[in-house]
């Protein structure tokens, strides 16, 4: 009974924390006169990547850097094949039409595609060392420098400005939302593991599958809340930001202390799926296949399910 209560509580914390984060991001974008897309890209993106960042740091300190590398790759796959897929199914896909008019969007997409290619070349041989980590950390610094000049003017009147809370309150709710997301994710993993053990699922399957999905829960919660508030640009901004941070900052931190040694046979499938999902994400936003968004969303979910079954034998 107790694990079920923790499970339900985790869902409440995830949704409420995501709601606070989305509202705080909206207020921040208005107060600083920047686009909601860029604000969600930076703040929601990096906030929902915080579980992966913590895993990267702690696994590096524990000389288990391969966990961080695998988690970053797996999370990027889940963000598209699970989170983005659900967003496509929940909406008509027409929300993407307004987003694609943003000329800076193509820059973000190309950065993500380039980073994904770099990740493939850096990890396909099963080794990831400190020099490669420094390379990705340098890329992250360069990306932040480039993106800070991507502010887009939006209309904000003095009346709008005065209705918004002071910046201290905005940061407070943003941090509180992040804390609730992290606590909710931890409770979800804890309760799910107990429930899964009770019904006879092996610890190996539990650790791998729930870790991959669990660290994508903040992105999923934030995306659902964004859709409910009609901030569809936040969905794309969140996933783009999270995946870019995972492929640069998280990967970069993973082996900065200890090099990672990855079993090549086990990572090939991850890298292939990383390329497929990234390409689909790029294609659906930049081409006229938007009208098939629900079908593509269902296809991505089916692909993710088959991937989980084939990878973990569950």
Protein backbone atom coordinates (compact mmCIF):
# COMPACT_ATOMS: atom_id res chain seq x y z
CA UNK A 1 0.00 0.00 0.00
CA UNK A 2 2.81 2.40 0.92
CA UNK A 3 4.64 2.12 -2.47
CA UNK A 4 1.36 2.87 -4.26
CA UNK A 5 0.87 6.02 -2.16
CA UNK A 6 4.45 7.09 -2.92
CA UNK A 7 3.79 6.42 -6.60
CA UNK A 8 0.67 8.62 -6.61
CA UNK A 9 2.51 11.31 -4.62
CA UNK A 10 5.36 11.26 -7.12
CA UNK A 11 2.94 11.95 -9.96
CA UNK A 12 1.44 14.89 -8.07
CA UNK A 13 4.87 16.34 -7.32
CA UNK A 14 5.94 15.95 -10.95
CA UNK A 15 2.87 17.70 -12.32
CA UNK A 16 2.85 20.49 -9.72
CA UNK A 17 6.60 21.05 -10.02
CA UNK A 18 6.32 21.19 -13.80
CA UNK A 19 3.45 23.67 -13.53
CA UNK A 20 5.53 25.97 -11.31
CA UNK A 21 8.47 25.72 -13.70
CA UNK A 22 6.35 26.53 -16.76
CA UNK A 23 4.66 29.51 -15.08
CA UNK A 24 7.99 30.85 -13.79
CA UNK A 25 9.49 30.51 -17.27
CA UNK A 26 6.55 32.40 -18.78
CA UNK A 27 7.01 35.24 -16.27
CA UNK A 28 10.76 35.27 -16.85
CA UNK A 29 10.33 35.55 -20.64
CA UNK A 30 7.99 38.54 -20.25
CA UNK A 31 10.07 40.30 -17.62
CA UNK A 32 13.27 40.02 -19.69
CA UNK A 33 11.53 40.56 -23.03
CA UNK A 34 12.68 37.30 -24.63
CA UNK A 35 10.76 34.64 -26.49
CA UNK A 36 9.05 31.88 -24.53
CA UNK A 37 10.77 29.40 -26.82
CA UNK A 38 14.24 30.60 -25.85
CA UNK A 39 13.32 30.80 -22.15
CA UNK A 40 11.99 27.24 -22.19
CA UNK A 41 15.01 26.09 -24.18
CA UNK A 42 17.40 27.46 -21.59
CA UNK A 43 15.61 27.17 -18.25
CA UNK A 44 13.17 24.28 -18.65
CA UNK A 45 15.69 22.43 -20.81
CA UNK A 46 18.53 22.56 -18.33
CA UNK A 47 16.20 22.12 -15.34
CA UNK A 48 14.69 18.92 -16.72
CA UNK A 49 18.21 17.70 -17.53
CA UNK A 50 19.25 18.06 -13.88
CA UNK A 51 18.70 14.34 -13.06
CA UNK A 52 21.09 13.40 -15.87
CA UNK A 53 23.57 16.05 -14.70
CA UNK A 54 23.54 14.69 -11.13
CA UNK A 55 23.89 11.11 -12.39
CA UNK A 56 26.85 12.18 -14.54
CA UNK A 57 28.64 13.84 -11.62
CA UNK A 58 28.01 11.07 -9.07
CA UNK A 59 28.78 8.22 -11.47
CA UNK A 60 32.05 9.93 -12.41
CA UNK A 61 33.00 10.23 -8.75
CA UNK A 62 32.14 6.54 -8.30
CA UNK A 63 34.30 5.50 -11.27
CA UNK A 64 31.20 4.38 -13.19
CA UNK A 65 31.32 6.89 -16.03
CA UNK A 66 29.72 4.50 -18.51
CA UNK A 67 26.44 4.85 -16.59
CA UNK A 68 26.39 8.59 -17.26
CA UNK A 69 27.18 8.15 -20.96
CA UNK A 70 24.48 5.52 -21.39
CA UNK A 71 21.98 7.56 -19.39
CA UNK A 72 22.56 10.68 -21.51
CA UNK A 73 22.12 8.74 -24.76
CA UNK A 74 19.09 6.84 -23.43
CA UNK A 75 17.47 10.02 -22.13
CA UNK A 76 17.82 11.76 -25.50
CA UNK A 77 16.13 8.78 -27.14
CA UNK A 78 13.33 8.79 -24.55
CA UNK A 79 12.82 12.55 -24.82
CA UNK A 80 11.96 12.18 -28.50
CA UNK A 81 10.51 8.66 -28.80
CA UNK A 82 8.48 8.97 -25.59
CA UNK A 83 8.00 12.62 -24.53
CA UNK A 84 7.78 14.25 -27.97
CA UNK A 85 5.74 11.32 -29.27
CA UNK A 86 3.15 11.80 -26.52
CA UNK A 87 3.06 15.55 -27.25
CA UNK A 88 2.37 14.82 -30.92
CA UNK A 89 -0.46 12.44 -30.02
CA UNK A 90 -2.01 14.92 -27.56
CA UNK A 91 -2.11 17.73 -30.14
CA UNK A 92 -2.92 18.13 -33.81
CA UNK A 93 0.65 19.05 -34.65
CA UNK A 94 -0.48 22.43 -35.97
CA UNK A 95 1.35 24.11 -33.08
CA UNK A 96 4.58 23.33 -34.91
CA UNK A 97 3.58 25.62 -37.81
CA UNK A 98 4.10 28.77 -35.76
CA UNK A 99 7.34 27.49 -34.27
CA UNK A 100 8.86 26.67 -37.66
CA UNK A 101 8.59 30.33 -38.63
CA UNK A 102 11.26 31.14 -36.07
CA UNK A 103 14.46 31.44 -38.10
CA UNK A 104 16.64 30.66 -35.09
CA UNK A 105 14.98 27.25 -34.69
CA UNK A 106 17.02 25.75 -37.52
CA UNK A 107 20.19 26.78 -35.67
CA UNK A 108 19.11 24.85 -32.57
CA UNK A 109 18.19 21.80 -34.64
CA UNK A 110 21.53 21.79 -36.48
CA UNK A 111 23.35 22.05 -33.14
CA UNK A 112 21.45 19.00 -31.86
CA UNK A 113 22.11 17.00 -35.03
CA UNK A 114 25.82 17.92 -34.94
CA UNK A 115 26.13 16.98 -31.27
CA UNK A 116 24.42 13.64 -31.90
CA UNK A 117 26.91 12.89 -34.68
CA UNK A 118 29.80 13.83 -32.38
CA UNK A 119 28.43 11.51 -29.68
CA UNK A 120 28.28 8.63 -32.17
CA UNK A 121 31.88 9.13 -33.31
CA UNK A 122 33.13 9.58 -29.73
CA UNK A 123 31.48 6.48 -28.26
CA UNK A 124 31.10 3.90 -31.03
CA UNK A 125 34.44 2.29 -30.13
CA UNK A 126 33.31 1.73 -26.54
CA UNK A 127 35.73 4.23 -25.00
CA UNK A 128 35.24 7.80 -23.84
CA UNK A 129 38.17 9.60 -22.19
CA UNK A 130 38.96 12.91 -20.49
CA UNK A 131 40.09 14.64 -23.70
CA UNK A 132 36.76 13.84 -25.33
CA UNK A 133 34.96 15.06 -22.21
CA UNK A 134 36.82 18.37 -22.39
CA UNK A 135 35.87 18.63 -26.07
CA UNK A 136 32.16 18.30 -25.25
CA UNK A 137 32.41 20.71 -22.32
CA UNK A 138 34.05 23.23 -24.66
CA UNK A 139 31.18 22.70 -27.10
CA UNK A 140 28.71 23.36 -24.28
CA UNK A 141 30.40 26.66 -23.40
CA UNK A 142 30.39 27.65 -27.07
CA UNK A 143 26.71 26.75 -27.40
CA UNK A 144 25.74 28.87 -24.39
CA UNK A 145 27.75 31.78 -25.81
CA UNK A 146 25.99 31.50 -29.18
CA UNK A 147 22.53 31.06 -27.73
CA UNK A 148 22.74 34.01 -25.36
CA UNK A 149 22.57 36.24 -28.45
CA UNK A 150 19.38 34.52 -29.63
CA UNK A 151 17.01 36.73 -27.67
CA UNK A 152 13.92 37.59 -29.60
CA UNK A 153 11.92 40.74 -28.91
CA UNK A 154 8.32 40.19 -27.89
CA UNK A 155 5.59 42.63 -27.01
CA UNK A 156 5.33 43.44 -23.37
CA UNK A 157 3.52 46.48 -22.03
CA UNK A 158 4.10 48.20 -18.72
CA UNK A 159 0.77 46.78 -17.62
CA UNK A 160 1.94 43.26 -18.41
CA UNK A 161 5.22 43.93 -16.65
CA UNK A 162 3.55 45.21 -13.49
CA UNK A 163 1.29 42.19 -13.29
CA UNK A 164 4.26 39.88 -13.04
CA UNK A 165 6.04 39.05 -9.84
CA UNK A 166 9.44 40.42 -8.91
CA UNK A 167 12.42 38.55 -10.29
CA UNK A 168 13.19 37.11 -6.83
CA UNK A 169 9.78 35.44 -6.75
CA UNK A 170 10.24 34.14 -10.28
CA UNK A 171 13.55 32.50 -9.34
CA UNK A 172 12.02 31.15 -6.11
CA UNK A 173 9.15 29.41 -7.94
CA UNK A 174 11.52 28.19 -10.62
CA UNK A 175 13.83 26.61 -8.03
CA UNK A 176 10.89 25.20 -6.06
CA UNK A 177 9.48 23.69 -9.24
CA UNK A 178 12.85 22.09 -9.99
CA UNK A 179 13.10 20.66 -6.47
CA UNK A 180 9.61 19.17 -6.72
CA UNK A 181 10.52 17.63 -10.09
CA UNK A 182 13.64 16.02 -8.63
CA UNK A 183 11.87 14.73 -5.53
CA UNK A 184 8.99 13.46 -7.66
CA UNK A 185 11.39 11.63 -9.95
CA UNK A 186 13.16 9.99 -7.01
CA UNK A 187 9.84 8.90 -5.46
CA UNK A 188 8.70 7.55 -8.80
CA UNK A 189 11.83 5.44 -9.20
CA UNK A 190 11.72 4.25 -5.59
CA UNK A 191 8.06 3.24 -5.63
CA UNK A 192 8.21 1.75 -9.12
CA UNK A 193 11.16 -0.46 -8.20
CA UNK A 194 9.32 -1.83 -5.15
CA UNK A 195 6.15 -2.47 -7.17
CA UNK A 196 8.15 -4.04 -10.01
CA UNK A 197 9.97 -6.38 -7.62
CA UNK A 198 6.65 -7.37 -6.08
CA UNK A 199 5.29 -8.51 -9.45
CA UNK A 200 8.52 -10.38 -10.26
CA UNK A 201 10.51 -8.15 -12.63
CA UNK A 202 14.29 -8.66 -12.39
CA UNK A 203 16.51 -6.02 -10.82
CA UNK A 204 18.55 -5.75 -14.03
CA UNK A 205 15.48 -4.84 -16.08
CA UNK A 206 14.23 -2.52 -13.34
CA UNK A 207 17.47 -0.57 -13.11
CA UNK A 208 17.94 -0.04 -16.82
CA UNK A 209 14.41 0.55 -18.05
CA UNK A 210 13.13 2.65 -15.13
CA UNK A 211 16.31 4.75 -15.05
CA UNK A 212 15.95 5.58 -18.74
CA UNK A 213 12.29 6.48 -18.44
CA UNK A 214 12.56 7.98 -14.95
CA UNK A 215 15.08 10.65 -15.92
CA UNK A 216 12.76 11.71 -18.78
CA UNK A 217 9.80 12.23 -16.43
CA UNK A 218 10.61 15.93 -15.81
CA UNK A 219 10.55 16.57 -19.57
CA UNK A 220 7.27 14.68 -19.89
CA UNK A 221 5.65 16.51 -16.97
CA UNK A 222 6.82 19.91 -18.25
CA UNK A 223 5.58 19.10 -21.77
CA UNK A 224 2.11 18.08 -20.55
CA UNK A 225 1.80 21.25 -18.49
CA UNK A 226 3.00 23.35 -21.43
CA UNK A 227 0.34 21.82 -23.69
CA UNK A 228 -2.36 22.43 -21.07
CA UNK A 229 -1.37 26.11 -20.98
CA UNK A 230 -1.18 26.32 -24.80
CA UNK A 231 2.56 27.01 -24.67
CA UNK A 232 3.33 24.57 -27.46
CA UNK A 233 6.62 26.29 -28.25
CA UNK A 234 7.77 25.30 -24.75
CA UNK A 235 7.48 21.62 -25.71
CA UNK A 236 9.95 21.93 -28.57
CA UNK A 237 12.16 24.30 -26.58
CA UNK A 238 12.22 21.91 -23.62
CA UNK A 239 13.17 18.85 -25.67
CA UNK A 240 15.72 20.73 -27.78
CA UNK A 241 17.32 22.29 -24.72
CA UNK A 242 17.34 19.08 -22.70
CA UNK A 243 18.82 16.99 -25.52
CA UNK A 244 21.47 19.58 -26.36
CA UNK A 245 22.50 19.86 -22.71
CA UNK A 246 22.56 16.06 -22.38
CA UNK A 247 24.74 15.70 -25.49
CA UNK A 248 27.18 18.40 -24.41
CA UNK A 249 27.17 19.13 -20.67
CA UNK A 250 26.14 15.68 -19.35
CA UNK A 251 28.36 13.79 -21.79
CA UNK A 252 31.18 16.23 -21.08
CA UNK A 253 30.96 15.77 -17.32
CA UNK A 254 30.67 11.98 -17.56
CA UNK A 255 34.33 11.10 -18.06
CA UNK A 256 36.11 14.21 -16.83
CA UNK A 257 37.28 12.28 -13.73
CA UNK A 258 37.42 8.68 -14.96
CA UNK A 259 37.32 7.49 -18.59
CA UNK A 260 34.31 5.40 -19.56
CA UNK A 261 34.66 1.90 -20.98
CA UNK A 262 31.47 0.82 -22.73
CA UNK A 263 30.63 -2.59 -24.14
CA UNK A 264 30.55 -1.86 -27.88
CA UNK A 265 27.88 -4.47 -28.68
CA UNK A 266 25.46 -2.97 -26.18
CA UNK A 267 25.85 0.60 -27.36
CA UNK A 268 25.40 0.09 -31.10
CA UNK A 269 21.63 -0.16 -30.82
CA UNK A 270 21.51 2.98 -28.66
CA UNK A 271 23.55 4.99 -31.16
CA UNK A 272 21.46 3.79 -34.09
CA UNK A 273 18.24 4.74 -32.33
CA UNK A 274 19.76 8.07 -31.25
CA UNK A 275 20.38 8.89 -34.93
CA UNK A 276 16.92 7.72 -36.01
CA UNK A 277 15.00 9.67 -33.36
CA UNK A 278 17.09 12.83 -33.86
CA UNK A 279 16.51 12.68 -37.62
CA UNK A 280 12.74 12.18 -37.15
CA UNK A 281 12.64 15.11 -34.68
CA UNK A 282 14.47 17.29 -37.20
CA UNK A 283 12.31 16.15 -40.12
CA UNK A 284 8.92 16.62 -38.47
CA UNK A 285 9.74 20.21 -37.45
CA UNK A 286 11.37 21.32 -40.71
CA UNK A 287 9.18 19.60 -43.34
CA UNK A 288 5.51 19.35 -44.29
CA UNK A 289 5.09 15.97 -42.60
CA UNK A 290 3.61 17.90 -39.68
CA UNK A 291 0.15 16.84 -40.90
CA UNK A 292 1.09 13.24 -40.09
CA UNK A 293 2.14 14.15 -36.54
CA UNK A 294 -0.23 11.76 -34.73
CA UNK A 295 0.82 8.83 -36.91
CA UNK A 296 4.49 9.69 -36.39
CA UNK A 297 3.90 10.03 -32.65
CA UNK A 298 2.36 6.56 -32.52
CA UNK A 299 5.23 5.21 -34.63
CA UNK A 300 7.82 6.70 -32.27
CA UNK A 301 6.06 5.19 -29.26
CA UNK A 302 5.95 1.79 -30.98
CA UNK A 303 9.66 2.08 -31.83
CA UNK A 304 10.49 2.99 -28.23
CA UNK A 305 8.48 0.03 -26.93
CA UNK A 306 10.18 -2.42 -29.30
CA UNK A 307 13.55 -0.94 -28.34
CA UNK A 308 12.86 -1.44 -24.63
CA UNK A 309 11.70 -5.03 -25.18
CA UNK A 310 14.66 -5.96 -27.38
CA UNK A 311 17.20 -4.24 -25.14
CA UNK A 312 16.02 -5.55 -21.79
CA UNK A 313 14.14 -8.66 -22.79
CA UNK A 314 11.14 -7.51 -20.79
